[in-house]
Amino acid sequence: MASNAAVPFWRAAGMTYITYSNICANLVRNCLKEPYKTEALTREKVHFSVSKWVDSKPQKPTLRSDTPEA
């Protein structure tokens, strides 16, 4: 196999595809005009639950968010 095969530029820059895609998505969202910009920014938020395990049993889950609490 040839070592000079084409490599995606995001890989050559040392990024993963997820990182590259998140950067592109942020750029697109920031270029939008109102009211589309605020609508897109609200869809960007992610919420998830976390459960700790003690003695092989899940404890009560807590709701977490990727946005910092203000």
PDB file of N, CA and C in Angstrom:
ATOM      1  N   MET A   1       0.847  -1.175   0.000  1.00  0.00           N
ATOM      2  CA  MET A   1       0.000   0.000   0.000  1.00  0.00           C
ATOM      3  C   MET A   1       0.891   1.235   0.000  1.00  0.00           C
ATOM      4  N   ALA A   2       0.523   2.223  -0.739  1.00  0.00           N
ATOM      5  CA  ALA A   2       1.338   3.434  -0.859  1.00  0.00           C
ATOM      6  C   ALA A   2       1.207   4.292   0.389  1.00  0.00           C
ATOM      7  N   SER A   3       2.321   4.847   0.832  1.00  0.00           N
ATOM      8  CA  SER A   3       2.294   5.683   2.030  1.00  0.00           C
ATOM      9  C   SER A   3       1.895   7.117   1.718  1.00  0.00           C
ATOM     10  N   ASN A   4       1.860   7.477   0.450  1.00  0.00           N
ATOM     11  CA  ASN A   4       1.503   8.844   0.092  1.00  0.00           C
ATOM     12  C   ASN A   4       0.043   8.940  -0.356  1.00  0.00           C
ATOM     13  N   ALA A   5      -0.793   8.062   0.174  1.00  0.00           N
ATOM     14  CA  ALA A   5      -2.220   8.075  -0.152  1.00  0.00           C
ATOM     15  C   ALA A   5      -2.852   9.361   0.379  1.00  0.00           C
ATOM     16  N   ALA A   6      -3.911   9.772  -0.262  1.00  0.00           N
ATOM     17  CA  ALA A   6      -4.608  10.993   0.144  1.00  0.00           C
ATOM     18  C   ALA A   6      -5.168  10.821   1.552  1.00  0.00           C
ATOM     19  N   VAL A   7      -4.916  11.794   2.392  1.00  0.00           N
ATOM     20  CA  VAL A   7      -5.398  11.787   3.767  1.00  0.00           C
ATOM     21  C   VAL A   7      -6.342  12.973   3.911  1.00  0.00           C
ATOM     22  N   PRO A   8      -7.504  12.783   4.546  1.00  0.00           N
ATOM     23  CA  PRO A   8      -8.389  13.934   4.762  1.00  0.00           C
ATOM     24  C   PRO A   8      -7.651  15.031   5.530  1.00  0.00           C
ATOM     25  N   PHE A   9      -7.931  16.281   5.168  1.00  0.00           N
ATOM     26  CA  PHE A   9      -7.188  17.382   5.787  1.00  0.00           C
ATOM     27  C   PHE A   9      -7.425  17.480   7.277  1.00  0.00           C
ATOM     28  N   TRP A  10      -8.621  17.076   7.765  1.00  0.00           N
ATOM     29  CA  TRP A  10      -8.865  17.138   9.210  1.00  0.00           C
ATOM     30  C   TRP A  10      -7.994  16.121   9.938  1.00  0.00           C
ATOM     31  N   ARG A  11      -7.727  14.985   9.293  1.00  0.00           N
ATOM     32  CA  ARG A  11      -6.844  13.980   9.897  1.00  0.00           C
ATOM     33  C   ARG A  11      -5.397  14.470   9.868  1.00  0.00           C
ATOM     34  N   ALA A  12      -5.006  15.105   8.757  1.00  0.00           N
ATOM     35  CA  ALA A  12      -3.650  15.638   8.641  1.00  0.00           C
ATOM     36  C   ALA A  12      -3.409  16.748   9.659  1.00  0.00           C
ATOM     37  N   ALA A  13      -4.476  17.460  10.047  1.00  0.00           N
ATOM     38  CA  ALA A  13      -4.353  18.521  11.050  1.00  0.00           C
ATOM     39  C   ALA A  13      -4.360  17.972  12.472  1.00  0.00           C
ATOM     40  N   GLY A  14      -4.503  16.648  12.616  1.00  0.00           N
ATOM     41  CA  GLY A  14      -4.468  16.033  13.943  1.00  0.00           C
ATOM     42  C   GLY A  14      -5.804  16.041  14.652  1.00  0.00           C
ATOM     43  N   MET A  15      -6.901  16.216  13.909  1.00  0.00           N
ATOM     44  CA  MET A  15      -8.239  16.241  14.510  1.00  0.00           C
ATOM     45  C   MET A  15      -8.964  14.938  14.232  1.00  0.00           C
ATOM     46  N   THR A  16      -9.978  14.671  15.044  1.00  0.00           N
ATOM     47  CA  THR A  16     -10.899  13.590  14.722  1.00  0.00           C
ATOM     48  C   THR A  16     -12.016  14.179  13.865  1.00  0.00           C
ATOM     49  N   TYR A  17     -12.770  13.309  13.226  1.00  0.00           N
ATOM     50  CA  TYR A  17     -13.862  13.801  12.390  1.00  0.00           C
ATOM     51  C   TYR A  17     -14.922  14.503  13.230  1.00  0.00           C
ATOM     52  N   ILE A  18     -15.160  14.020  14.445  1.00  0.00           N
ATOM     53  CA  ILE A  18     -16.157  14.641  15.331  1.00  0.00           C
ATOM     54  C   ILE A  18     -15.737  16.066  15.675  1.00  0.00           C
ATOM     55  N   THR A  19     -14.457  16.270  15.994  1.00  0.00           N
ATOM     56  CA  THR A  19     -13.959  17.615  16.298  1.00  0.00           C
ATOM     57  C   THR A  19     -14.120  18.530  15.092  1.00  0.00           C
ATOM     58  N   TYR A  20     -13.740  18.041  13.923  1.00  0.00           N
ATOM     59  CA  TYR A  20     -13.879  18.812  12.692  1.00  0.00           C
ATOM     60  C   TYR A  20     -15.338  19.166  12.426  1.00  0.00           C
ATOM     61  N   SER A  21     -16.226  18.202  12.594  1.00  0.00           N
ATOM     62  CA  SER A  21     -17.632  18.453  12.330  1.00  0.00           C
ATOM     63  C   SER A  21     -18.235  19.422  13.340  1.00  0.00           C
ATOM     64  N   ASN A  22     -17.801  19.378  14.598  1.00  0.00           N
ATOM     65  CA  ASN A  22     -18.276  20.339  15.607  1.00  0.00           C
ATOM     66  C   ASN A  22     -17.809  21.747  15.283  1.00  0.00           C
ATOM     67  N   ILE A  23     -16.578  21.902  14.829  1.00  0.00           N
ATOM     68  CA  ILE A  23     -16.069  23.224  14.445  1.00  0.00           C
ATOM     69  C   ILE A  23     -16.883  23.783  13.277  1.00  0.00           C
ATOM     70  N   CYS A  24     -17.137  22.941  12.272  1.00  0.00           N
ATOM     71  CA  CYS A  24     -17.928  23.385  11.112  1.00  0.00           C
ATOM     72  C   CYS A  24     -19.347  23.759  11.522  1.00  0.00           C
ATOM     73  N   ALA A  25     -19.962  22.971  12.387  1.00  0.00           N
ATOM     74  CA  ALA A  25     -21.329  23.258  12.832  1.00  0.00           C
ATOM     75  C   ALA A  25     -21.386  24.580  13.594  1.00  0.00           C
ATOM     76  N   ASN A  26     -20.383  24.844  14.443  1.00  0.00           N
ATOM     77  CA  ASN A  26     -20.351  26.119  15.174  1.00  0.00           C
ATOM     78  C   ASN A  26     -20.198  27.291  14.220  1.00  0.00           C
ATOM     79  N   LEU A  27     -19.374  27.149  13.206  1.00  0.00           N
ATOM     80  CA  LEU A  27     -19.204  28.219  12.222  1.00  0.00           C
ATOM     81  C   LEU A  27     -20.502  28.506  11.484  1.00  0.00           C
ATOM     82  N   VAL A  28     -21.204  27.462  11.089  1.00  0.00           N
ATOM     83  CA  VAL A  28     -22.470  27.652  10.379  1.00  0.00           C
ATOM     84  C   VAL A  28     -23.504  28.303  11.283  1.00  0.00           C
ATOM     85  N   ARG A  29     -23.611  27.845  12.534  1.00  0.00           N
ATOM     86  CA  ARG A  29     -24.582  28.437  13.466  1.00  0.00           C
ATOM     87  C   ARG A  29     -24.281  29.910  13.714  1.00  0.00           C
ATOM     88  N   ASN A  30     -22.999  30.269  13.804  1.00  0.00           N
ATOM     89  CA  ASN A  30     -22.644  31.668  14.046  1.00  0.00           C
ATOM     90  C   ASN A  30     -22.882  32.559  12.833  1.00  0.00           C
ATOM     91  N   CYS A  31     -22.979  31.979  11.646  1.00  0.00           N
ATOM     92  CA  CYS A  31     -23.230  32.760  10.433  1.00  0.00           C
ATOM     93  C   CYS A  31     -24.716  33.015  10.185  1.00  0.00           C
ATOM     94  N   LEU A  32     -25.580  32.311  10.895  1.00  0.00           N
ATOM     95  CA  LEU A  32     -27.014  32.479  10.682  1.00  0.00           C
ATOM     96  C   LEU A  32     -27.490  33.835  11.185  1.00  0.00           C
ATOM     97  N   LYS A  33     -28.559  34.338  10.560  1.00  0.00           N
ATOM     98  CA  LYS A  33     -29.191  35.579  11.008  1.00  0.00           C
ATOM     99  C   LYS A  33     -30.329  35.236  11.960  1.00  0.00           C
ATOM    100  N   GLU A  34     -30.727  36.223  12.754  1.00  0.00           N
ATOM    101  CA  GLU A  34     -31.847  36.037  13.675  1.00  0.00           C
ATOM    102  C   GLU A  34     -33.120  35.890  12.871  1.00  0.00           C
ATOM    103  N   PRO A  35     -34.100  35.153  13.280  1.00  0.00           N
ATOM    104  CA  PRO A  35     -34.260  34.364  14.506  1.00  0.00           C
ATOM    105  C   PRO A  35     -33.682  32.954  14.388  1.00  0.00           C
ATOM    106  N   TYR A  36     -33.108  32.618  13.229  1.00  0.00           N
ATOM    107  CA  TYR A  36     -32.608  31.267  13.005  1.00  0.00           C
ATOM    108  C   TYR A  36     -31.399  30.950  13.874  1.00  0.00           C
ATOM    109  N   LYS A  37     -30.611  31.972  14.187  1.00  0.00           N
ATOM    110  CA  LYS A  37     -29.407  31.762  14.983  1.00  0.00           C
ATOM    111  C   LYS A  37     -29.758  31.290  16.389  1.00  0.00           C
ATOM    112  N   THR A  38     -30.672  31.974  17.064  1.00  0.00           N
ATOM    113  CA  THR A  38     -31.028  31.566  18.426  1.00  0.00           C
ATOM    114  C   THR A  38     -31.723  30.213  18.436  1.00  0.00           C
ATOM    115  N   GLU A  39     -32.498  29.928  17.400  1.00  0.00           N
ATOM    116  CA  GLU A  39     -33.156  28.626  17.302  1.00  0.00           C
ATOM    117  C   GLU A  39     -32.129  27.505  17.155  1.00  0.00           C
ATOM    118  N   ALA A  40     -31.128  27.723  16.339  1.00  0.00           N
ATOM    119  CA  ALA A  40     -30.079  26.723  16.151  1.00  0.00           C
ATOM    120  C   ALA A  40     -29.237  26.565  17.415  1.00  0.00           C
ATOM    121  N   LEU A  41     -28.976  27.651  18.119  1.00  0.00           N
ATOM    122  CA  LEU A  41     -28.174  27.580  19.342  1.00  0.00           C
ATOM    123  C   LEU A  41     -28.902  26.830  20.444  1.00  0.00           C
ATOM    124  N   THR A  42     -30.243  26.916  20.494  1.00  0.00           N
ATOM    125  CA  THR A  42     -30.975  26.170  21.517  1.00  0.00           C
ATOM    126  C   THR A  42     -30.987  24.681  21.210  1.00  0.00           C
ATOM    127  N   ARG A  43     -30.948  24.297  19.933  1.00  0.00           N
ATOM    128  CA  ARG A  43     -30.898  22.878  19.570  1.00  0.00           C
ATOM    129  C   ARG A  43     -29.526  22.276  19.839  1.00  0.00           C
ATOM    130  N   GLU A  44     -28.534  23.118  20.020  1.00  0.00           N
ATOM    131  CA  GLU A  44     -27.169  22.656  20.235  1.00  0.00           C
ATOM    132  C   GLU A  44     -26.981  22.058  21.633  1.00  0.00           C
ATOM    133  N   LYS A  45     -27.803  22.447  22.594  1.00  0.00           N
ATOM    134  CA  LYS A  45     -27.638  21.999  23.974  1.00  0.00           C
ATOM    135  C   LYS A  45     -27.897  20.498  24.104  1.00  0.00           C
ATOM    136  N   VAL A  46     -27.112  19.848  24.963  1.00  0.00           N
ATOM    137  CA  VAL A  46     -27.229  18.410  25.175  1.00  0.00           C
ATOM    138  C   VAL A  46     -27.462  18.152  26.661  1.00  0.00           C
ATOM    139  N   HIS A  47     -28.440  17.308  26.948  1.00  0.00           N
ATOM    140  CA  HIS A  47     -28.734  16.908  28.323  1.00  0.00           C
ATOM    141  C   HIS A  47     -28.622  15.386  28.401  1.00  0.00           C
ATOM    142  N   PHE A  48     -28.100  14.898  29.509  1.00  0.00           N
ATOM    143  CA  PHE A  48     -27.950  13.459  29.685  1.00  0.00           C
ATOM    144  C   PHE A  48     -28.021  13.131  31.163  1.00  0.00           C
ATOM    145  N   SER A  49     -28.285  11.872  31.474  1.00  0.00           N
ATOM    146  CA  SER A  49     -28.350  11.464  32.873  1.00  0.00           C
ATOM    147  C   SER A  49     -27.162  10.568  33.205  1.00  0.00           C
ATOM    148  N   VAL A  50     -26.715  10.670  34.443  1.00  0.00           N
ATOM    149  CA  VAL A  50     -25.573   9.897  34.921  1.00  0.00           C
ATOM    150  C   VAL A  50     -26.020   9.127  36.160  1.00  0.00           C
ATOM    151  N   SER A  51     -25.732   7.838  36.176  1.00  0.00           N
ATOM    152  CA  SER A  51     -26.049   7.012  37.337  1.00  0.00           C
ATOM    153  C   SER A  51     -24.762   6.417  37.882  1.00  0.00           C
ATOM    154  N   LYS A  52     -24.560   6.570  39.180  1.00  0.00           N
ATOM    155  CA  LYS A  52     -23.419   5.923  39.820  1.00  0.00           C
ATOM    156  C   LYS A  52     -23.836   4.517  40.205  1.00  0.00           C
ATOM    157  N   TRP A  53     -22.869   3.612  40.165  1.00  0.00           N
ATOM    158  CA  TRP A  53     -23.127   2.217  40.508  1.00  0.00           C
ATOM    159  C   TRP A  53     -22.429   1.877  41.816  1.00  0.00           C
ATOM    160  N   VAL A  54     -23.178   1.300  42.762  1.00  0.00           N
ATOM    161  CA  VAL A  54     -22.636   0.870  44.048  1.00  0.00           C
ATOM    162  C   VAL A  54     -23.083  -0.575  44.268  1.00  0.00           C
ATOM    163  N   ASP A  55     -22.157  -1.439  44.548  1.00  0.00           N
ATOM    164  CA  ASP A  55     -22.443  -2.867  44.762  1.00  0.00           C
ATOM    165  C   ASP A  55     -23.222  -3.466  43.595  1.00  0.00           C
ATOM    166  N   SER A  56     -22.806  -3.145  42.391  1.00  0.00           N
ATOM    167  CA  SER A  56     -23.409  -3.666  41.151  1.00  0.00           C
ATOM    168  C   SER A  56     -24.865  -3.257  40.965  1.00  0.00           C
ATOM    169  N   LYS A  57     -25.282  -2.157  41.609  1.00  0.00           N
ATOM    170  CA  LYS A  57     -26.649  -1.658  41.451  1.00  0.00           C
ATOM    171  C   LYS A  57     -26.602  -0.161  41.137  1.00  0.00           C
ATOM    172  N   PRO A  58     -27.406   0.283  40.159  1.00  0.00           N
ATOM    173  CA  PRO A  58     -27.404   1.715  39.827  1.00  0.00           C
ATOM    174  C   PRO A  58     -28.095   2.539  40.901  1.00  0.00           C
ATOM    175  N   GLN A  59     -27.548   3.693  41.174  1.00  0.00           N
ATOM    176  CA  GLN A  59     -28.149   4.632  42.119  1.00  0.00           C
ATOM    177  C   GLN A  59     -29.084   5.572  41.353  1.00  0.00           C
ATOM    178  N   LYS A  60     -29.694   6.502  42.041  1.00  0.00           N
ATOM    179  CA  LYS A  60     -30.624   7.445  41.406  1.00  0.00           C
ATOM    180  C   LYS A  60     -29.864   8.290  40.370  1.00  0.00           C
ATOM    181  N   PRO A  61     -30.374   8.373  39.128  1.00  0.00           N
ATOM    182  CA  PRO A  61     -29.684   9.141  38.096  1.00  0.00           C
ATOM    183  C   PRO A  61     -29.802  10.652  38.333  1.00  0.00           C
ATOM    184  N   THR A  62     -28.788  11.371  37.916  1.00  0.00           N
ATOM    185  CA  THR A  62     -28.818  12.837  37.990  1.00  0.00           C
ATOM    186  C   THR A  62     -28.769  13.365  36.576  1.00  0.00           C
ATOM    187  N   LEU A  63     -29.554  14.419  36.313  1.00  0.00           N
ATOM    188  CA  LEU A  63     -29.593  15.040  34.997  1.00  0.00           C
ATOM    189  C   LEU A  63     -28.437  15.992  34.863  1.00  0.00           C
ATOM    190  N   ARG A  64     -27.670  15.873  33.790  1.00  0.00           N
ATOM    191  CA  ARG A  64     -26.507  16.728  33.529  1.00  0.00           C
ATOM    192  C   ARG A  64     -26.715  17.449  32.218  1.00  0.00           C
ATOM    193  N   SER A  65     -25.937  18.493  32.023  1.00  0.00           N
ATOM    194  CA  SER A  65     -25.997  19.276  30.789  1.00  0.00           C
ATOM    195  C   SER A  65     -24.581  19.622  30.371  1.00  0.00           C
ATOM    196  N   ASP A  66     -24.389  19.826  29.074  1.00  0.00           N
ATOM    197  CA  ASP A  66     -23.058  20.188  28.597  1.00  0.00           C
ATOM    198  C   ASP A  66     -22.821  21.685  28.690  1.00  0.00           C
ATOM    199  N   THR A  67     -23.845  22.452  29.052  1.00  0.00           N
ATOM    200  CA  THR A  67     -23.696  23.895  29.174  1.00  0.00           C
ATOM    201  C   THR A  67     -23.395  24.246  30.625  1.00  0.00           C
ATOM    202  N   PRO A  68     -22.479  25.182  30.872  1.00  0.00           N
ATOM    203  CA  PRO A  68     -22.172  25.563  32.250  1.00  0.00           C
ATOM    204  C   PRO A  68     -23.345  26.303  32.888  1.00  0.00           C
ATOM    205  N   GLU A  69     -23.568  26.015  34.141  1.00  0.00           N
ATOM    206  CA  GLU A  69     -24.632  26.692  34.885  1.00  0.00           C
ATOM    207  C   GLU A  69     -24.205  28.082  35.259  1.00  0.00           C
ATOM    208  N   ALA A  70     -25.053  29.063  35.019  1.00  0.00           N
ATOM    209  CA  ALA A  70     -24.709  30.460  35.332  1.00  0.00           C
ATOM    210  C   ALA A  70     -25.406  30.946  36.565  1.00  0.00           C
TER     211      ALA A  70
END
